[in-house]
Amino acid sequence: MSVRTLAASKETASDGGPSPLVPKRRPFAVWFKDKGWRHVVGVATTIFAVFPLLYVLSAALDSNGTLVGSNGLFSRFDTGNFVALFSDPSRPFGRWFVNTLVVGLVTSAATVFLGAMAAYAFSRMRFKGRRMGLLTLLLLQMFPQLLAVVAIFLLLSGISQVIPALGLGSQLGLIMVYLGGALGVNTYLMYGFFNTVPQSLDEAAKIDGASHVQIFFGIILRLVTPILAVVGLLAFIGISSEFVIASVVLTDPDSQTLAVGLYSYVAQQRSENWGVFAAGAVIAALPVMALFLFLQKYIVSGLTAGSVKG
């Protein structure tokens, strides 16, 4: 813009006319109809999601309060609930925490590995019953695993008489139950992601003499890391918060997970200890948060690519 044009603009502004350098502001009603309502919805959704978390954290930091009787958030700060959480010998919270990590990590790793192999077979190989197998995996997800609780109990009860390590009260038996319920949807999710990998890479590797095992471990797994991270994260989150099946399978207090163990603090109506329960819930959320932050860069790409069949 030249000096003469700037001078003319200043003279126009000094005479009371509109200045071309200052953009005209839209009316509030127009802005709110176009974009403003989205901010309102976003703020309301954030408050709705964050308030329960803040309330539980406030109850965990107040040893004299209760979950429903707190007059205000963070009116008092102390670590009494956390001390009581680790000082009760009849409720080994530390062992529950370790059990949850072991069951969650082992099940997540096995789910990712077995699901990846099944997805590779459905995506790269052509065999009789392939389409029917994919349809069966999809239809099985319509029935929640909760419907099979009675059958799971009877099955593990019978296995206990033959192989006690896989029966009731064993963490290995619980891991096997979790694997059976998680492979269907995870296999179908990874199958969609595997289809996005060009098959020309497989053909080039086969020309060089590579086998399916070498292609799978040397090429495919390196290219599908996002979906592996997403499946592992979703499996770990679901296992960490699962209660019904774990409460049926794990009968020994020393082998229970956090979801089952923490329930004992609020199971009896006359002796609930919501403060200690809230403290345990806060600590139980730390591994999930850590794993989520560690795998965050893979989540968006893994979910968007794996949710569409290639």
Protein backbone atom coordinates (compact mmCIF):
# COMPACT_ATOMS: atom_id res chain seq x y z
CA MET A 1 0.00 0.00 0.00
CA SER A 2 1.46 3.40 -1.01
CA VAL A 3 1.93 6.42 1.21
CA ARG A 4 -0.77 8.33 -0.68
CA THR A 5 -3.29 5.55 -0.08
CA LEU A 6 -2.48 5.45 3.65
CA ALA A 7 -2.90 9.21 3.88
CA ALA A 8 -6.24 8.98 2.10
CA SER A 9 -7.35 6.26 4.48
CA LYS A 10 -6.44 8.38 7.51
CA GLU A 11 -8.30 11.39 6.09
CA THR A 12 -11.38 9.25 5.50
CA ALA A 13 -11.24 7.91 9.04
CA SER A 14 -10.77 11.44 10.47
CA ASP A 15 -13.82 12.66 8.54
CA GLY A 16 -15.98 10.03 10.25
CA GLY A 17 -16.16 7.60 7.36
CA PRO A 18 -15.33 3.89 7.60
CA SER A 19 -11.64 3.02 7.43
CA PRO A 20 -10.72 0.26 4.98
CA LEU A 21 -7.89 -0.88 7.30
CA VAL A 22 -10.24 -1.86 10.15
CA PRO A 23 -12.35 -4.99 9.43
CA LYS A 24 -16.03 -4.62 10.11
CA ARG A 25 -17.18 -6.65 13.12
CA ARG A 26 -20.05 -9.01 12.61
CA PRO A 27 -23.12 -8.70 14.86
CA PHE A 28 -23.13 -11.01 17.87
CA ALA A 29 -26.24 -12.85 16.71
CA VAL A 30 -24.59 -13.71 13.37
CA TRP A 31 -21.37 -14.84 15.05
CA PHE A 32 -23.24 -16.95 17.62
CA LYS A 33 -25.34 -18.63 14.94
CA ASP A 34 -22.25 -19.41 12.87
CA LYS A 35 -19.62 -20.45 15.45
CA GLY A 36 -20.51 -19.19 18.90
CA TRP A 37 -22.88 -22.03 19.80
CA ARG A 38 -20.03 -24.49 19.32
CA HIS A 39 -18.06 -22.80 22.09
CA VAL A 40 -21.05 -23.05 24.42
CA VAL A 41 -21.48 -26.75 23.69
CA GLY A 42 -17.74 -27.37 24.14
CA VAL A 43 -17.59 -25.59 27.50
CA ALA A 44 -20.72 -27.37 28.77
CA THR A 45 -19.38 -30.77 27.69
CA THR A 46 -16.03 -30.11 29.33
CA ILE A 47 -17.65 -29.12 32.63
CA PHE A 48 -19.93 -32.17 32.49
CA ALA A 49 -16.93 -34.47 31.96
CA VAL A 50 -14.47 -32.85 34.38
CA PHE A 51 -16.76 -32.22 37.36
CA PRO A 52 -17.14 -35.91 38.44
CA LEU A 53 -13.36 -36.32 38.25
CA LEU A 54 -12.77 -33.26 40.40
CA TYR A 55 -15.40 -34.43 42.87
CA VAL A 56 -13.74 -37.84 43.28
CA LEU A 57 -10.31 -36.22 43.64
CA SER A 58 -11.70 -33.83 46.27
CA ALA A 59 -13.22 -36.74 48.22
CA ALA A 60 -9.92 -38.62 48.05
CA LEU A 61 -8.03 -35.67 49.57
CA ASP A 62 -10.49 -35.20 52.46
CA SER A 63 -10.23 -37.96 55.07
CA ASN A 64 -13.00 -36.51 57.25
CA GLY A 65 -15.56 -36.05 54.49
CA THR A 66 -17.78 -38.38 52.54
CA LEU A 67 -18.50 -38.68 48.86
CA VAL A 68 -22.04 -37.34 49.18
CA GLY A 69 -21.60 -35.08 52.17
CA SER A 70 -18.90 -32.72 50.94
CA ASN A 71 -19.90 -29.07 51.17
CA GLY A 72 -17.34 -27.82 48.67
CA LEU A 73 -14.61 -29.02 46.38
CA PHE A 74 -11.10 -29.17 47.85
CA SER A 75 -12.16 -27.64 51.17
CA ARG A 76 -9.45 -29.70 52.88
CA PHE A 77 -6.23 -31.36 51.78
CA ASP A 78 -4.71 -34.38 53.55
CA THR A 79 -3.43 -37.83 52.67
CA GLY A 80 -5.35 -39.80 55.30
CA ASN A 81 -7.35 -41.79 52.76
CA PHE A 82 -4.22 -42.81 50.88
CA VAL A 83 -2.51 -43.89 54.11
CA ALA A 84 -5.55 -45.96 55.10
CA LEU A 85 -5.59 -47.48 51.64
CA PHE A 86 -2.15 -49.06 52.07
CA SER A 87 -2.35 -49.81 55.80
CA ASP A 88 -5.20 -52.35 55.84
CA PRO A 89 -3.72 -55.89 55.87
CA SER A 90 -7.09 -57.49 55.09
CA ARG A 91 -7.31 -55.46 51.87
CA PRO A 92 -3.94 -55.65 50.08
CA PHE A 93 -4.28 -52.71 47.73
CA GLY A 94 -0.67 -52.97 46.57
CA ARG A 95 -1.18 -56.58 45.51
CA TRP A 96 -4.41 -55.65 43.75
CA PHE A 97 -2.54 -52.96 41.84
CA VAL A 98 0.18 -55.37 40.74
CA ASN A 99 -2.42 -58.00 39.79
CA THR A 100 -4.22 -55.47 37.61
CA LEU A 101 -1.01 -54.49 35.85
CA VAL A 102 -0.04 -58.12 35.25
CA VAL A 103 -3.45 -59.20 33.96
CA GLY A 104 -3.88 -56.03 31.90
CA LEU A 105 -0.45 -56.01 30.28
CA VAL A 106 -0.37 -59.75 29.54
CA THR A 107 -3.88 -59.75 28.11
CA SER A 108 -3.25 -56.61 26.05
CA ALA A 109 -0.02 -57.99 24.59
CA ALA A 110 -1.61 -61.35 23.79
CA THR A 111 -4.66 -59.64 22.27
CA VAL A 112 -2.49 -57.50 20.02
CA PHE A 113 -0.33 -60.44 18.92
CA LEU A 114 -3.11 -62.95 18.27
CA GLY A 115 -5.40 -60.34 16.72
CA ALA A 116 -2.63 -59.15 14.39
CA MET A 117 -1.94 -62.67 13.17
CA ALA A 118 -5.65 -63.31 12.55
CA ALA A 119 -6.06 -59.96 10.79
CA TYR A 120 -3.05 -60.68 8.58
CA ALA A 121 -4.51 -64.04 7.59
CA PHE A 122 -7.90 -62.52 6.71
CA SER A 123 -6.31 -59.60 4.86
CA ARG A 124 -3.55 -61.33 2.87
CA MET A 125 -4.63 -64.95 2.43
CA ARG A 126 -7.54 -66.35 0.43
CA PHE A 127 -9.09 -69.52 1.81
CA LYS A 128 -12.44 -71.23 2.03
CA GLY A 129 -14.67 -69.74 4.73
CA ARG A 130 -12.82 -66.42 4.89
CA ARG A 131 -15.86 -64.22 4.31
CA MET A 132 -18.01 -66.32 6.64
CA GLY A 133 -15.31 -66.09 9.31
CA LEU A 134 -15.25 -62.28 9.10
CA LEU A 135 -19.05 -62.16 9.29
CA THR A 136 -19.02 -64.48 12.29
CA LEU A 137 -16.52 -62.27 14.11
CA LEU A 138 -18.74 -59.28 13.46
CA LEU A 139 -21.95 -60.98 14.56
CA LEU A 140 -20.42 -62.33 17.77
CA GLN A 141 -19.85 -58.79 18.97
CA MET A 142 -23.61 -58.23 19.09
CA PHE A 143 -23.73 -60.43 22.21
CA PRO A 144 -21.84 -59.03 25.20
CA GLN A 145 -19.53 -61.28 27.15
CA LEU A 146 -21.69 -60.66 30.21
CA LEU A 147 -24.29 -63.07 28.83
CA ALA A 148 -21.77 -65.91 29.13
CA VAL A 149 -20.96 -65.41 32.83
CA VAL A 150 -22.81 -68.55 33.93
CA ALA A 151 -21.21 -70.63 31.17
CA ILE A 152 -17.77 -69.22 32.05
CA PHE A 153 -18.24 -70.12 35.70
CA LEU A 154 -19.32 -73.69 34.93
CA LEU A 155 -16.51 -74.12 32.40
CA LEU A 156 -13.79 -72.89 34.75
CA SER A 157 -15.28 -74.90 37.58
CA GLY A 158 -14.90 -78.06 35.51
CA ILE A 159 -11.39 -77.11 34.38
CA SER A 160 -10.38 -76.58 38.03
CA GLN A 161 -10.79 -80.28 38.68
CA VAL A 162 -8.36 -81.16 35.87
CA ILE A 163 -6.01 -78.15 35.58
CA PRO A 164 -6.25 -75.99 38.73
CA ALA A 165 -3.95 -73.33 37.23
CA LEU A 166 -6.60 -72.53 34.60
CA GLY A 167 -9.69 -72.82 36.78
CA LEU A 168 -11.51 -70.63 39.25
CA GLY A 169 -9.35 -68.36 41.36
CA SER A 170 -6.47 -68.24 38.88
CA GLN A 171 -5.36 -65.15 37.02
CA LEU A 172 -4.34 -67.28 34.05
CA GLY A 173 -7.90 -68.50 33.68
CA LEU A 174 -9.15 -64.91 33.78
CA ILE A 175 -6.65 -63.95 31.07
CA MET A 176 -7.92 -66.76 28.86
CA VAL A 177 -11.51 -65.58 29.33
CA TYR A 178 -10.56 -62.01 28.43
CA LEU A 179 -8.72 -63.18 25.32
CA GLY A 180 -11.74 -65.07 24.08
CA GLY A 181 -13.98 -62.03 24.40
CA ALA A 182 -11.61 -59.43 22.93
CA LEU A 183 -10.24 -61.13 19.83
CA GLY A 184 -13.37 -60.67 17.70
CA VAL A 185 -13.76 -56.91 17.55
CA ASN A 186 -10.00 -56.28 17.69
CA THR A 187 -9.35 -58.66 14.80
CA TYR A 188 -11.95 -56.91 12.67
CA LEU A 189 -10.55 -53.50 13.59
CA MET A 190 -7.01 -54.52 12.67
CA TYR A 191 -8.25 -56.23 9.51
CA GLY A 192 -9.46 -52.87 8.21
CA PHE A 193 -6.09 -51.29 8.94
CA PHE A 194 -4.13 -54.14 7.36
CA ASN A 195 -6.06 -53.61 4.12
CA THR A 196 -4.62 -50.08 3.88
CA VAL A 197 -1.10 -51.51 3.52
CA PRO A 198 -0.34 -52.04 -0.22
CA GLN A 199 -0.08 -55.70 -1.18
CA SER A 200 2.70 -54.76 -3.59
CA LEU A 201 5.04 -54.78 -0.60
CA ASP A 202 4.17 -58.40 0.07
CA GLU A 203 4.64 -59.34 -3.56
CA ALA A 204 8.03 -57.66 -3.70
CA ALA A 205 9.12 -59.49 -0.55
CA LYS A 206 7.89 -62.83 -1.95
CA ILE A 207 9.94 -62.27 -5.11
CA ASP A 208 13.01 -61.90 -2.88
CA GLY A 209 12.13 -65.23 -1.24
CA ALA A 210 10.47 -63.99 1.97
CA SER A 211 7.90 -66.22 3.67
CA HIS A 212 4.65 -65.13 5.31
CA VAL A 213 6.34 -65.14 8.72
CA GLN A 214 9.14 -62.89 7.50
CA ILE A 215 6.67 -60.55 5.80
CA PHE A 216 4.47 -60.39 8.88
CA PHE A 217 7.20 -59.70 11.44
CA GLY A 218 9.62 -57.80 9.23
CA ILE A 219 7.32 -55.58 7.16
CA ILE A 220 3.66 -55.55 8.18
CA LEU A 221 4.06 -55.09 11.93
CA ARG A 222 6.32 -52.09 11.35
CA LEU A 223 3.69 -50.42 9.17
CA VAL A 224 0.65 -51.07 11.37
CA THR A 225 2.08 -49.76 14.64
CA PRO A 226 -0.78 -47.21 15.15
CA ILE A 227 -3.54 -49.83 15.19
CA LEU A 228 -1.47 -52.10 17.45
CA ALA A 229 -1.13 -49.24 19.94
CA VAL A 230 -4.86 -48.47 19.78
CA VAL A 231 -5.91 -52.09 20.30
CA GLY A 232 -3.47 -52.50 23.19
CA LEU A 233 -4.72 -49.32 24.85
CA LEU A 234 -8.40 -50.20 24.47
CA ALA A 235 -7.79 -53.71 25.78
CA PHE A 236 -5.91 -52.44 28.83
CA ILE A 237 -8.58 -49.85 29.64
CA GLY A 238 -11.37 -52.42 29.38
CA ILE A 239 -9.57 -54.97 31.53
CA SER A 240 -8.60 -52.44 34.21
CA SER A 241 -12.23 -51.43 34.75
CA GLU A 242 -13.91 -54.83 34.26
CA PHE A 243 -15.71 -56.07 37.37
CA VAL A 244 -18.36 -58.73 36.72
CA ILE A 245 -16.27 -61.51 35.17
CA ALA A 246 -13.28 -60.80 37.43
CA SER A 247 -15.48 -61.03 40.53
CA VAL A 248 -16.77 -64.44 39.38
CA VAL A 249 -13.39 -65.92 38.44
CA LEU A 250 -11.14 -64.47 41.16
CA THR A 251 -12.29 -65.81 44.51
CA ASP A 252 -9.06 -65.35 46.48
CA PRO A 253 -8.56 -61.76 47.83
CA ASP A 254 -4.82 -61.95 47.11
CA SER A 255 -5.44 -62.61 43.41
CA GLN A 256 -8.16 -60.01 42.84
CA THR A 257 -7.83 -56.96 40.62
CA LEU A 258 -8.45 -53.34 41.59
CA ALA A 259 -12.03 -53.26 40.32
CA VAL A 260 -12.99 -56.24 42.49
CA GLY A 261 -10.92 -55.28 45.51
CA LEU A 262 -12.08 -51.66 45.71
CA TYR A 263 -15.69 -52.78 45.67
CA SER A 264 -15.20 -54.22 49.16
CA TYR A 265 -14.92 -50.67 50.53
CA VAL A 266 -18.48 -49.83 49.47
CA ALA A 267 -20.11 -53.28 49.37
CA GLN A 268 -21.67 -53.09 52.83
CA GLN A 269 -24.39 -50.51 53.19
CA ARG A 270 -23.62 -49.53 56.80
CA SER A 271 -19.86 -49.34 56.53
CA GLU A 272 -19.07 -47.62 53.26
CA ASN A 273 -15.73 -45.85 53.10
CA TRP A 274 -16.12 -43.63 50.06
CA GLY A 275 -13.05 -41.55 50.84
CA VAL A 276 -10.69 -44.53 50.69
CA PHE A 277 -12.58 -45.84 47.67
CA ALA A 278 -12.05 -42.51 45.91
CA ALA A 279 -8.35 -42.58 46.78
CA GLY A 280 -8.04 -46.06 45.30
CA ALA A 281 -9.90 -44.95 42.16
CA VAL A 282 -7.47 -42.06 41.70
CA ILE A 283 -4.44 -44.37 41.94
CA ALA A 284 -6.09 -46.96 39.68
CA ALA A 285 -6.47 -44.32 36.96
CA LEU A 286 -2.75 -43.49 36.87
CA PRO A 287 -1.60 -46.48 34.73
CA VAL A 288 -4.36 -45.85 32.21
CA MET A 289 -3.46 -42.16 31.99
CA ALA A 290 0.23 -42.94 31.61
CA LEU A 291 -0.40 -45.47 28.85
CA PHE A 292 -2.82 -43.10 27.11
CA LEU A 293 -0.31 -40.25 27.10
CA PHE A 294 2.46 -42.57 25.90
CA LEU A 295 0.38 -43.87 22.97
CA GLN A 296 -1.49 -40.65 22.23
CA LYS A 297 0.27 -39.96 18.93
CA TYR A 298 -1.01 -43.26 17.51
CA ILE A 299 -4.63 -43.03 18.65
CA VAL A 300 -6.15 -40.74 15.99
CA SER A 301 -4.47 -42.35 12.98
CA GLY A 302 -5.12 -45.85 14.28
CA LEU A 303 -8.83 -45.37 14.92
CA THR A 304 -9.61 -43.45 11.73
CA ALA A 305 -7.76 -45.86 9.44
CA GLY A 306 -8.86 -49.04 11.19
CA SER A 307 -12.54 -48.17 11.33
CA VAL A 308 -12.90 -48.18 7.52
CA LYS A 309 -12.69 -51.42 5.59
CA GLY A 310 -10.09 -51.17 2.83
